[in-house]
């Protein structure tokens, strides 16, 4: 089931401040904290992000969430502030 919904559970963050030393774990922590604080995660799921893949050249990352519903909620957010920098949130496959 997880492989069938993988494409629908992926979100991209753009304009990441990678020059400030961000890595996969720190992005997962910031995005998870944001989701939990804003009630974007599924009830009782304190770890909604399964995977983070950084593209350093484009200063982007792809987050894989644990459910399609969580991805839908997060994709409605325009941007997330990470270390004081606004990072654009888009659903993978949507135009940037």
PDB file of N, CA and C in Angstrom:
ATOM      1  N   UNK A   1       0.827  -1.207   0.000  1.00  0.00           N
ATOM      2  CA  UNK A   1       0.000   0.000   0.000  1.00  0.00           C
ATOM      3  C   UNK A   1       0.867   1.264   0.000  1.00  0.00           C
ATOM      4  N   UNK A   2       1.960   1.255   0.759  1.00  0.00           N
ATOM      5  CA  UNK A   2       2.812   2.448   0.842  1.00  0.00           C
ATOM      6  C   UNK A   2       3.436   2.770  -0.525  1.00  0.00           C
ATOM      7  N   UNK A   3       3.819   1.753  -1.308  1.00  0.00           N
ATOM      8  CA  UNK A   3       4.384   2.012  -2.628  1.00  0.00           C
ATOM      9  C   UNK A   3       3.349   2.584  -3.583  1.00  0.00           C
ATOM     10  N   UNK A   4       2.097   2.195  -3.420  1.00  0.00           N
ATOM     11  CA  UNK A   4       1.038   2.680  -4.300  1.00  0.00           C
ATOM     12  C   UNK A   4       0.750   4.165  -4.064  1.00  0.00           C
ATOM     13  N   UNK A   5       0.955   4.644  -2.851  1.00  0.00           N
ATOM     14  CA  UNK A   5       0.641   6.043  -2.526  1.00  0.00           C
ATOM     15  C   UNK A   5       1.884   6.916  -2.409  1.00  0.00           C
ATOM     16  N   UNK A   6       3.056   6.373  -2.696  1.00  0.00           N
ATOM     17  CA  UNK A   6       4.305   7.110  -2.495  1.00  0.00           C
ATOM     18  C   UNK A   6       4.303   8.463  -3.213  1.00  0.00           C
ATOM     19  N   UNK A   7       3.876   8.483  -4.463  1.00  0.00           N
ATOM     20  CA  UNK A   7       3.881   9.726  -5.233  1.00  0.00           C
ATOM     21  C   UNK A   7       2.973  10.781  -4.604  1.00  0.00           C
ATOM     22  N   UNK A   8       1.857  10.362  -4.056  1.00  0.00           N
ATOM     23  CA  UNK A   8       0.901  11.299  -3.456  1.00  0.00           C
ATOM     24  C   UNK A   8       1.326  11.761  -2.067  1.00  0.00           C
ATOM     25  N   UNK A   9       2.322  11.116  -1.477  1.00  0.00           N
ATOM     26  CA  UNK A   9       2.774  11.477  -0.129  1.00  0.00           C
ATOM     27  C   UNK A   9       4.046  12.315  -0.142  1.00  0.00           C
ATOM     28  N   UNK A  10       4.465  12.790  -1.308  1.00  0.00           N
ATOM     29  CA  UNK A  10       5.728  13.530  -1.416  1.00  0.00           C
ATOM     30  C   UNK A  10       5.487  15.034  -1.588  1.00  0.00           C
ATOM     31  N   UNK A  11       6.245  15.816  -0.831  1.00  0.00           N
ATOM     32  CA  UNK A  11       6.165  17.284  -0.833  1.00  0.00           C
ATOM     33  C   UNK A  11       7.576  17.825  -1.046  1.00  0.00           C
ATOM     34  N   UNK A  12       7.685  18.921  -1.792  1.00  0.00           N
ATOM     35  CA  UNK A  12       8.990  19.534  -2.013  1.00  0.00           C
ATOM     36  C   UNK A  12       9.083  20.867  -1.284  1.00  0.00           C
ATOM     37  N   UNK A  13      10.220  21.107  -0.645  1.00  0.00           N
ATOM     38  CA  UNK A  13      10.534  22.402  -0.046  1.00  0.00           C
ATOM     39  C   UNK A  13      11.623  23.042  -0.894  1.00  0.00           C
ATOM     40  N   UNK A  14      11.420  24.307  -1.292  1.00  0.00           N
ATOM     41  CA  UNK A  14      12.377  25.036  -2.129  1.00  0.00           C
ATOM     42  C   UNK A  14      12.958  26.209  -1.350  1.00  0.00           C
ATOM     43  N   UNK A  15      14.115  26.692  -1.816  1.00  0.00           N
ATOM     44  CA  UNK A  15      14.801  27.844  -1.222  1.00  0.00           C
ATOM     45  C   UNK A  15      15.356  27.526   0.173  1.00  0.00           C
ATOM     46  N   UNK A  16      15.831  26.306   0.351  1.00  0.00           N
ATOM     47  CA  UNK A  16      16.379  25.909   1.656  1.00  0.00           C
ATOM     48  C   UNK A  16      17.692  26.630   1.941  1.00  0.00           C
ATOM     49  N   UNK A  17      17.897  27.092   3.172  1.00  0.00           N
ATOM     50  CA  UNK A  17      19.168  27.734   3.537  1.00  0.00           C
ATOM     51  C   UNK A  17      20.235  26.684   3.878  1.00  0.00           C
ATOM     52  N   UNK A  18      20.623  25.910   2.864  1.00  0.00           N
ATOM     53  CA  UNK A  18      21.600  24.829   3.085  1.00  0.00           C
ATOM     54  C   UNK A  18      22.964  25.367   3.493  1.00  0.00           C
ATOM     55  N   UNK A  19      23.259  26.611   3.128  1.00  0.00           N
ATOM     56  CA  UNK A  19      24.523  27.243   3.492  1.00  0.00           C
ATOM     57  C   UNK A  19      24.645  27.450   5.005  1.00  0.00           C
ATOM     58  N   UNK A  20      23.542  27.271   5.735  1.00  0.00           N
ATOM     59  CA  UNK A  20      23.568  27.397   7.202  1.00  0.00           C
ATOM     60  C   UNK A  20      23.785  26.040   7.883  1.00  0.00           C
ATOM     61  N   UNK A  21      24.123  25.020   7.100  1.00  0.00           N
ATOM     62  CA  UNK A  21      24.449  23.721   7.672  1.00  0.00           C
ATOM     63  C   UNK A  21      23.283  22.770   7.851  1.00  0.00           C
ATOM     64  N   UNK A  22      22.185  23.007   7.164  1.00  0.00           N
ATOM     65  CA  UNK A  22      21.034  22.106   7.277  1.00  0.00           C
ATOM     66  C   UNK A  22      21.381  20.731   6.724  1.00  0.00           C
ATOM     67  N   UNK A  23      20.854  19.712   7.372  1.00  0.00           N
ATOM     68  CA  UNK A  23      20.969  18.351   6.867  1.00  0.00           C
ATOM     69  C   UNK A  23      19.580  17.708   6.927  1.00  0.00           C
ATOM     70  N   UNK A  24      19.494  16.452   6.507  1.00  0.00           N
ATOM     71  CA  UNK A  24      18.199  15.771   6.451  1.00  0.00           C
ATOM     72  C   UNK A  24      17.510  15.741   7.812  1.00  0.00           C
ATOM     73  N   UNK A  25      18.263  15.404   8.854  1.00  0.00           N
ATOM     74  CA  UNK A  25      17.672  15.284  10.192  1.00  0.00           C
ATOM     75  C   UNK A  25      17.116  16.609  10.695  1.00  0.00           C
ATOM     76  N   UNK A  26      17.839  17.702  10.441  1.00  0.00           N
ATOM     77  CA  UNK A  26      17.361  19.005  10.930  1.00  0.00           C
ATOM     78  C   UNK A  26      16.122  19.462  10.157  1.00  0.00           C
ATOM     79  N   UNK A  27      16.056  19.168   8.867  1.00  0.00           N
ATOM     80  CA  UNK A  27      14.869  19.520   8.092  1.00  0.00           C
ATOM     81  C   UNK A  27      13.673  18.716   8.567  1.00  0.00           C
ATOM     82  N   UNK A  28      13.869  17.415   8.806  1.00  0.00           N
ATOM     83  CA  UNK A  28      12.788  16.576   9.321  1.00  0.00           C
ATOM     84  C   UNK A  28      12.298  17.111  10.658  1.00  0.00           C
ATOM     85  N   UNK A  29      13.214  17.516  11.539  1.00  0.00           N
ATOM     86  CA  UNK A  29      12.833  18.034  12.864  1.00  0.00           C
ATOM     87  C   UNK A  29      12.004  19.309  12.733  1.00  0.00           C
ATOM     88  N   UNK A  30      12.470  20.264  11.929  1.00  0.00           N
ATOM     89  CA  UNK A  30      11.767  21.532  11.770  1.00  0.00           C
ATOM     90  C   UNK A  30      10.391  21.310  11.139  1.00  0.00           C
ATOM     91  N   UNK A  31      10.324  20.503  10.081  1.00  0.00           N
ATOM     92  CA  UNK A  31       9.044  20.269   9.399  1.00  0.00           C
ATOM     93  C   UNK A  31       8.080  19.485  10.293  1.00  0.00           C
ATOM     94  N   UNK A  32       8.589  18.512  11.039  1.00  0.00           N
ATOM     95  CA  UNK A  32       7.738  17.745  11.957  1.00  0.00           C
ATOM     96  C   UNK A  32       7.188  18.647  13.051  1.00  0.00           C
ATOM     97  N   UNK A  33       8.053  19.458  13.657  1.00  0.00           N
ATOM     98  CA  UNK A  33       7.598  20.386  14.696  1.00  0.00           C
ATOM     99  C   UNK A  33       6.526  21.326  14.149  1.00  0.00           C
ATOM    100  N   UNK A  34       6.709  21.825  12.933  1.00  0.00           N
ATOM    101  CA  UNK A  34       5.744  22.718  12.311  1.00  0.00           C
ATOM    102  C   UNK A  34       4.401  22.009  12.120  1.00  0.00           C
ATOM    103  N   UNK A  35       4.457  20.781  11.616  1.00  0.00           N
ATOM    104  CA  UNK A  35       3.218  20.033  11.371  1.00  0.00           C
ATOM    105  C   UNK A  35       2.470  19.741  12.663  1.00  0.00           C
ATOM    106  N   UNK A  36       3.188  19.323  13.699  1.00  0.00           N
ATOM    107  CA  UNK A  36       2.546  18.998  14.975  1.00  0.00           C
ATOM    108  C   UNK A  36       1.963  20.265  15.606  1.00  0.00           C
ATOM    109  N   UNK A  37       2.716  21.350  15.584  1.00  0.00           N
ATOM    110  CA  UNK A  37       2.261  22.614  16.169  1.00  0.00           C
ATOM    111  C   UNK A  37       1.001  23.138  15.477  1.00  0.00           C
ATOM    112  N   UNK A  38       0.894  22.911  14.164  1.00  0.00           N
ATOM    113  CA  UNK A  38      -0.234  23.427  13.387  1.00  0.00           C
ATOM    114  C   UNK A  38      -1.290  22.366  13.077  1.00  0.00           C
ATOM    115  N   UNK A  39      -1.228  21.250  13.780  1.00  0.00           N
ATOM    116  CA  UNK A  39      -2.225  20.176  13.653  1.00  0.00           C
ATOM    117  C   UNK A  39      -2.363  19.656  12.221  1.00  0.00           C
ATOM    118  N   UNK A  40      -1.254  19.538  11.515  1.00  0.00           N
ATOM    119  CA  UNK A  40      -1.272  19.026  10.152  1.00  0.00           C
ATOM    120  C   UNK A  40      -1.000  17.527  10.099  1.00  0.00           C
ATOM    121  N   UNK A  41      -0.532  16.982  11.209  1.00  0.00           N
ATOM    122  CA  UNK A  41      -0.262  15.545  11.273  1.00  0.00           C
ATOM    123  C   UNK A  41      -1.540  14.782  11.622  1.00  0.00           C
ATOM    124  N   UNK A  42      -1.543  13.483  11.315  1.00  0.00           N
ATOM    125  CA  UNK A  42      -2.663  12.638  11.714  1.00  0.00           C
ATOM    126  C   UNK A  42      -2.681  12.512  13.239  1.00  0.00           C
ATOM    127  N   UNK A  43      -3.856  12.351  13.842  1.00  0.00           N
ATOM    128  CA  UNK A  43      -3.919  12.199  15.302  1.00  0.00           C
ATOM    129  C   UNK A  43      -3.033  11.038  15.772  1.00  0.00           C
ATOM    130  N   UNK A  44      -2.331  11.267  16.848  1.00  0.00           N
ATOM    131  CA  UNK A  44      -1.445  10.268  17.465  1.00  0.00           C
ATOM    132  C   UNK A  44      -0.196   9.967  16.649  1.00  0.00           C
ATOM    133  N   UNK A  45       0.040  10.648  15.545  1.00  0.00           N
ATOM    134  CA  UNK A  45       1.253  10.431  14.750  1.00  0.00           C
ATOM    135  C   UNK A  45       2.210  11.586  14.998  1.00  0.00           C
ATOM    136  N   UNK A  46       3.169  11.367  15.859  1.00  0.00           N
ATOM    137  CA  UNK A  46       4.120  12.421  16.205  1.00  0.00           C
ATOM    138  C   UNK A  46       5.323  12.462  15.257  1.00  0.00           C
ATOM    139  N   UNK A  47       5.395  11.524  14.308  1.00  0.00           N
ATOM    140  CA  UNK A  47       6.487  11.477  13.334  1.00  0.00           C
ATOM    141  C   UNK A  47       5.915  11.343  11.922  1.00  0.00           C
ATOM    142  N   UNK A  48       5.323  12.424  11.395  1.00  0.00           N
ATOM    143  CA  UNK A  48       4.655  12.331  10.097  1.00  0.00           C
ATOM    144  C   UNK A  48       5.602  12.241   8.899  1.00  0.00           C
ATOM    145  N   UNK A  49       6.881  12.579   9.071  1.00  0.00           N
ATOM    146  CA  UNK A  49       7.809  12.580   7.943  1.00  0.00           C
ATOM    147  C   UNK A  49       8.690  11.333   8.004  1.00  0.00           C
ATOM    148  N   UNK A  50       8.620  10.542   6.949  1.00  0.00           N
ATOM    149  CA  UNK A  50       9.367   9.292   6.891  1.00  0.00           C
ATOM    150  C   UNK A  50      10.762   9.461   6.312  1.00  0.00           C
ATOM    151  N   UNK A  51      10.899  10.396   5.357  1.00  0.00           N
ATOM    152  CA  UNK A  51      12.144  10.483   4.601  1.00  0.00           C
ATOM    153  C   UNK A  51      12.356  11.904   4.111  1.00  0.00           C
ATOM    154  N   UNK A  52      13.616  12.300   4.026  1.00  0.00           N
ATOM    155  CA  UNK A  52      13.987  13.602   3.480  1.00  0.00           C
ATOM    156  C   UNK A  52      15.161  13.386   2.528  1.00  0.00           C
ATOM    157  N   UNK A  53      15.012  13.842   1.284  1.00  0.00           N
ATOM    158  CA  UNK A  53      16.074  13.743   0.289  1.00  0.00           C
ATOM    159  C   UNK A  53      16.441  15.156  -0.155  1.00  0.00           C
ATOM    160  N   UNK A  54      17.678  15.567   0.110  1.00  0.00           N
ATOM    161  CA  UNK A  54      18.125  16.920  -0.233  1.00  0.00           C
ATOM    162  C   UNK A  54      18.773  16.933  -1.608  1.00  0.00           C
ATOM    163  N   UNK A  55      18.435  17.958  -2.400  1.00  0.00           N
ATOM    164  CA  UNK A  55      19.107  18.243  -3.666  1.00  0.00           C
ATOM    165  C   UNK A  55      19.886  19.536  -3.435  1.00  0.00           C
ATOM    166  N   UNK A  56      21.152  19.410  -3.128  1.00  0.00           N
ATOM    167  CA  UNK A  56      21.964  20.580  -2.758  1.00  0.00           C
ATOM    168  C   UNK A  56      22.120  21.565  -3.918  1.00  0.00           C
ATOM    169  N   UNK A  57      22.205  21.074  -5.125  1.00  0.00           N
ATOM    170  CA  UNK A  57      22.384  21.950  -6.281  1.00  0.00           C
ATOM    171  C   UNK A  57      21.206  22.913  -6.438  1.00  0.00           C
ATOM    172  N   UNK A  58      19.983  22.396  -6.274  1.00  0.00           N
ATOM    173  CA  UNK A  58      18.779  23.220  -6.438  1.00  0.00           C
ATOM    174  C   UNK A  58      18.292  23.851  -5.139  1.00  0.00           C
ATOM    175  N   UNK A  59      18.954  23.527  -4.014  1.00  0.00           N
ATOM    176  CA  UNK A  59      18.542  24.009  -2.685  1.00  0.00           C
ATOM    177  C   UNK A  59      17.098  23.610  -2.382  1.00  0.00           C
ATOM    178  N   UNK A  60      16.774  22.364  -2.690  1.00  0.00           N
ATOM    179  CA  UNK A  60      15.440  21.825  -2.431  1.00  0.00           C
ATOM    180  C   UNK A  60      15.560  20.506  -1.679  1.00  0.00           C
ATOM    181  N   UNK A  61      14.428  20.053  -1.167  1.00  0.00           N
ATOM    182  CA  UNK A  61      14.370  18.708  -0.608  1.00  0.00           C
ATOM    183  C   UNK A  61      12.980  18.149  -0.856  1.00  0.00           C
ATOM    184  N   UNK A  62      12.903  16.835  -0.864  1.00  0.00           N
ATOM    185  CA  UNK A  62      11.638  16.145  -1.000  1.00  0.00           C
ATOM    186  C   UNK A  62      11.365  15.440   0.317  1.00  0.00           C
ATOM    187  N   UNK A  63      10.194  15.696   0.868  1.00  0.00           N
ATOM    188  CA  UNK A  63       9.759  15.037   2.097  1.00  0.00           C
ATOM    189  C   UNK A  63       8.737  13.973   1.746  1.00  0.00           C
ATOM    190  N   UNK A  64       8.912  12.789   2.305  1.00  0.00           N
ATOM    191  CA  UNK A  64       7.910  11.743   2.146  1.00  0.00           C
ATOM    192  C   UNK A  64       7.155  11.628   3.460  1.00  0.00           C
ATOM    193  N   UNK A  65       5.856  11.866   3.403  1.00  0.00           N
ATOM    194  CA  UNK A  65       5.035  11.830   4.607  1.00  0.00           C
ATOM    195  C   UNK A  65       4.400  10.459   4.783  1.00  0.00           C
ATOM    196  N   UNK A  66       3.897  10.204   5.979  1.00  0.00           N
ATOM    197  CA  UNK A  66       3.391   8.875   6.293  1.00  0.00           C
ATOM    198  C   UNK A  66       1.978   8.626   5.776  1.00  0.00           C
ATOM    199  N   UNK A  67       1.252   9.687   5.370  1.00  0.00           N
ATOM    200  CA  UNK A  67      -0.085   9.473   4.803  1.00  0.00           C
ATOM    201  C   UNK A  67      -0.385  10.517   3.741  1.00  0.00           C
ATOM    202  N   UNK A  68      -1.287  10.167   2.843  1.00  0.00           N
ATOM    203  CA  UNK A  68      -1.720  11.082   1.789  1.00  0.00           C
ATOM    204  C   UNK A  68      -2.427  12.282   2.406  1.00  0.00           C
ATOM    205  N   UNK A  69      -3.196  12.053   3.458  1.00  0.00           N
ATOM    206  CA  UNK A  69      -3.924  13.144   4.115  1.00  0.00           C
ATOM    207  C   UNK A  69      -2.965  14.181   4.693  1.00  0.00           C
ATOM    208  N   UNK A  70      -1.879  13.723   5.315  1.00  0.00           N
ATOM    209  CA  UNK A  70      -0.881  14.658   5.850  1.00  0.00           C
ATOM    210  C   UNK A  70      -0.244  15.460   4.718  1.00  0.00           C
ATOM    211  N   UNK A  71       0.060  14.796   3.621  1.00  0.00           N
ATOM    212  CA  UNK A  71       0.636  15.493   2.467  1.00  0.00           C
ATOM    213  C   UNK A  71      -0.347  16.521   1.911  1.00  0.00           C
ATOM    214  N   UNK A  72      -1.621  16.178   1.870  1.00  0.00           N
ATOM    215  CA  UNK A  72      -2.636  17.127   1.398  1.00  0.00           C
ATOM    216  C   UNK A  72      -2.686  18.357   2.292  1.00  0.00           C
ATOM    217  N   UNK A  73      -2.659  18.152   3.596  1.00  0.00           N
ATOM    218  CA  UNK A  73      -2.712  19.287   4.538  1.00  0.00           C
ATOM    219  C   UNK A  73      -1.474  20.166   4.396  1.00  0.00           C
ATOM    220  N   UNK A  74      -0.298  19.547   4.335  1.00  0.00           N
ATOM    221  CA  UNK A  74       0.942  20.320   4.244  1.00  0.00           C
ATOM    222  C   UNK A  74       1.031  21.054   2.904  1.00  0.00           C
ATOM    223  N   UNK A  75       0.527  20.463   1.829  1.00  0.00           N
ATOM    224  CA  UNK A  75       0.621  21.094   0.506  1.00  0.00           C
ATOM    225  C   UNK A  75      -0.211  22.368   0.409  1.00  0.00           C
ATOM    226  N   UNK A  76      -1.161  22.555   1.299  1.00  0.00           N
ATOM    227  CA  UNK A  76      -1.984  23.769   1.295  1.00  0.00           C
ATOM    228  C   UNK A  76      -1.245  24.964   1.921  1.00  0.00           C
ATOM    229  N   UNK A  77      -0.139  24.698   2.603  1.00  0.00           N
ATOM    230  CA  UNK A  77       0.676  25.761   3.213  1.00  0.00           C
ATOM    231  C   UNK A  77       1.561  26.362   2.115  1.00  0.00           C
ATOM    232  N   UNK A  78       1.664  27.670   2.061  1.00  0.00           N
ATOM    233  CA  UNK A  78       2.477  28.316   1.016  1.00  0.00           C
ATOM    234  C   UNK A  78       3.962  28.216   1.296  1.00  0.00           C
ATOM    235  N   UNK A  79       4.354  28.482   2.555  1.00  0.00           N
ATOM    236  CA  UNK A  79       5.776  28.395   2.886  1.00  0.00           C
ATOM    237  C   UNK A  79       5.974  28.134   4.367  1.00  0.00           C
ATOM    238  N   UNK A  80       7.182  27.693   4.679  1.00  0.00           N
ATOM    239  CA  UNK A  80       7.594  27.405   6.049  1.00  0.00           C
ATOM    240  C   UNK A  80       8.896  28.166   6.294  1.00  0.00           C
ATOM    241  N   UNK A  81       9.005  28.838   7.434  1.00  0.00           N
ATOM    242  CA  UNK A  81      10.248  29.528   7.786  1.00  0.00           C
ATOM    243  C   UNK A  81      11.215  28.532   8.414  1.00  0.00           C
ATOM    244  N   UNK A  82      12.366  28.389   7.793  1.00  0.00           N
ATOM    245  CA  UNK A  82      13.420  27.520   8.319  1.00  0.00           C
ATOM    246  C   UNK A  82      14.652  28.386   8.532  1.00  0.00           C
ATOM    247  N   UNK A  83      15.066  28.524   9.775  1.00  0.00           N
ATOM    248  CA  UNK A  83      16.196  29.371  10.165  1.00  0.00           C
ATOM    249  C   UNK A  83      16.034  30.786   9.616  1.00  0.00           C
ATOM    250  N   UNK A  84      14.807  31.297   9.668  1.00  0.00           N
ATOM    251  CA  UNK A  84      14.530  32.662   9.253  1.00  0.00           C
ATOM    252  C   UNK A  84      14.368  32.853   7.753  1.00  0.00           C
ATOM    253  N   UNK A  85      14.424  31.777   6.981  1.00  0.00           N
ATOM    254  CA  UNK A  85      14.280  31.855   5.528  1.00  0.00           C
ATOM    255  C   UNK A  85      12.965  31.193   5.131  1.00  0.00           C
ATOM    256  N   UNK A  86      12.137  31.897   4.337  1.00  0.00           N
ATOM    257  CA  UNK A  86      10.880  31.308   3.870  1.00  0.00           C
ATOM    258  C   UNK A  86      11.166  30.289   2.779  1.00  0.00           C
ATOM    259  N   UNK A  87      10.729  29.058   3.020  1.00  0.00           N
ATOM    260  CA  UNK A  87      10.916  27.961   2.078  1.00  0.00           C
ATOM    261  C   UNK A  87       9.558  27.594   1.492  1.00  0.00           C
ATOM    262  N   UNK A  88       9.473  27.600   0.178  1.00  0.00           N
ATOM    263  CA  UNK A  88       8.216  27.338  -0.522  1.00  0.00           C
ATOM    264  C   UNK A  88       7.854  25.860  -0.425  1.00  0.00           C
ATOM    265  N   UNK A  89       6.565  25.593  -0.195  1.00  0.00           N
ATOM    266  CA  UNK A  89       6.043  24.234  -0.107  1.00  0.00           C
ATOM    267  C   UNK A  89       5.228  23.953  -1.360  1.00  0.00           C
ATOM    268  N   UNK A  90       5.574  22.896  -2.084  1.00  0.00           N
ATOM    269  CA  UNK A  90       4.804  22.485  -3.261  1.00  0.00           C
ATOM    270  C   UNK A  90       4.644  20.986  -3.264  1.00  0.00           C
ATOM    271  N   UNK A  91       3.571  20.550  -3.850  1.00  0.00           N
ATOM    272  CA  UNK A  91       3.358  19.126  -4.055  1.00  0.00           C
ATOM    273  C   UNK A  91       4.240  18.700  -5.223  1.00  0.00           C
ATOM    274  N   UNK A  92       4.900  17.590  -5.102  1.00  0.00           N
ATOM    275  CA  UNK A  92       5.766  17.121  -6.169  1.00  0.00           C
ATOM    276  C   UNK A  92       4.958  16.958  -7.451  1.00  0.00           C
ATOM    277  N   UNK A  93       5.450  17.519  -8.538  1.00  0.00           N
ATOM    278  CA  UNK A  93       4.725  17.447  -9.803  1.00  0.00           C
ATOM    279  C   UNK A  93       3.944  18.710 -10.107  1.00  0.00           C
ATOM    280  N   UNK A  94       3.676  19.544  -9.111  1.00  0.00           N
ATOM    281  CA  UNK A  94       3.015  20.832  -9.358  1.00  0.00           C
ATOM    282  C   UNK A  94       4.023  21.813  -9.906  1.00  0.00           C
ATOM    283  N   UNK A  95       3.554  22.798 -10.641  1.00  0.00           N
ATOM    284  CA  UNK A  95       4.478  23.791 -11.185  1.00  0.00           C
ATOM    285  C   UNK A  95       5.024  24.668 -10.064  1.00  0.00           C
ATOM    286  N   UNK A  96       6.254  25.101 -10.257  1.00  0.00           N
ATOM    287  CA  UNK A  96       6.888  25.934  -9.249  1.00  0.00           C
ATOM    288  C   UNK A  96       6.690  27.376  -9.642  1.00  0.00           C
TER     289      UNK A  96
END
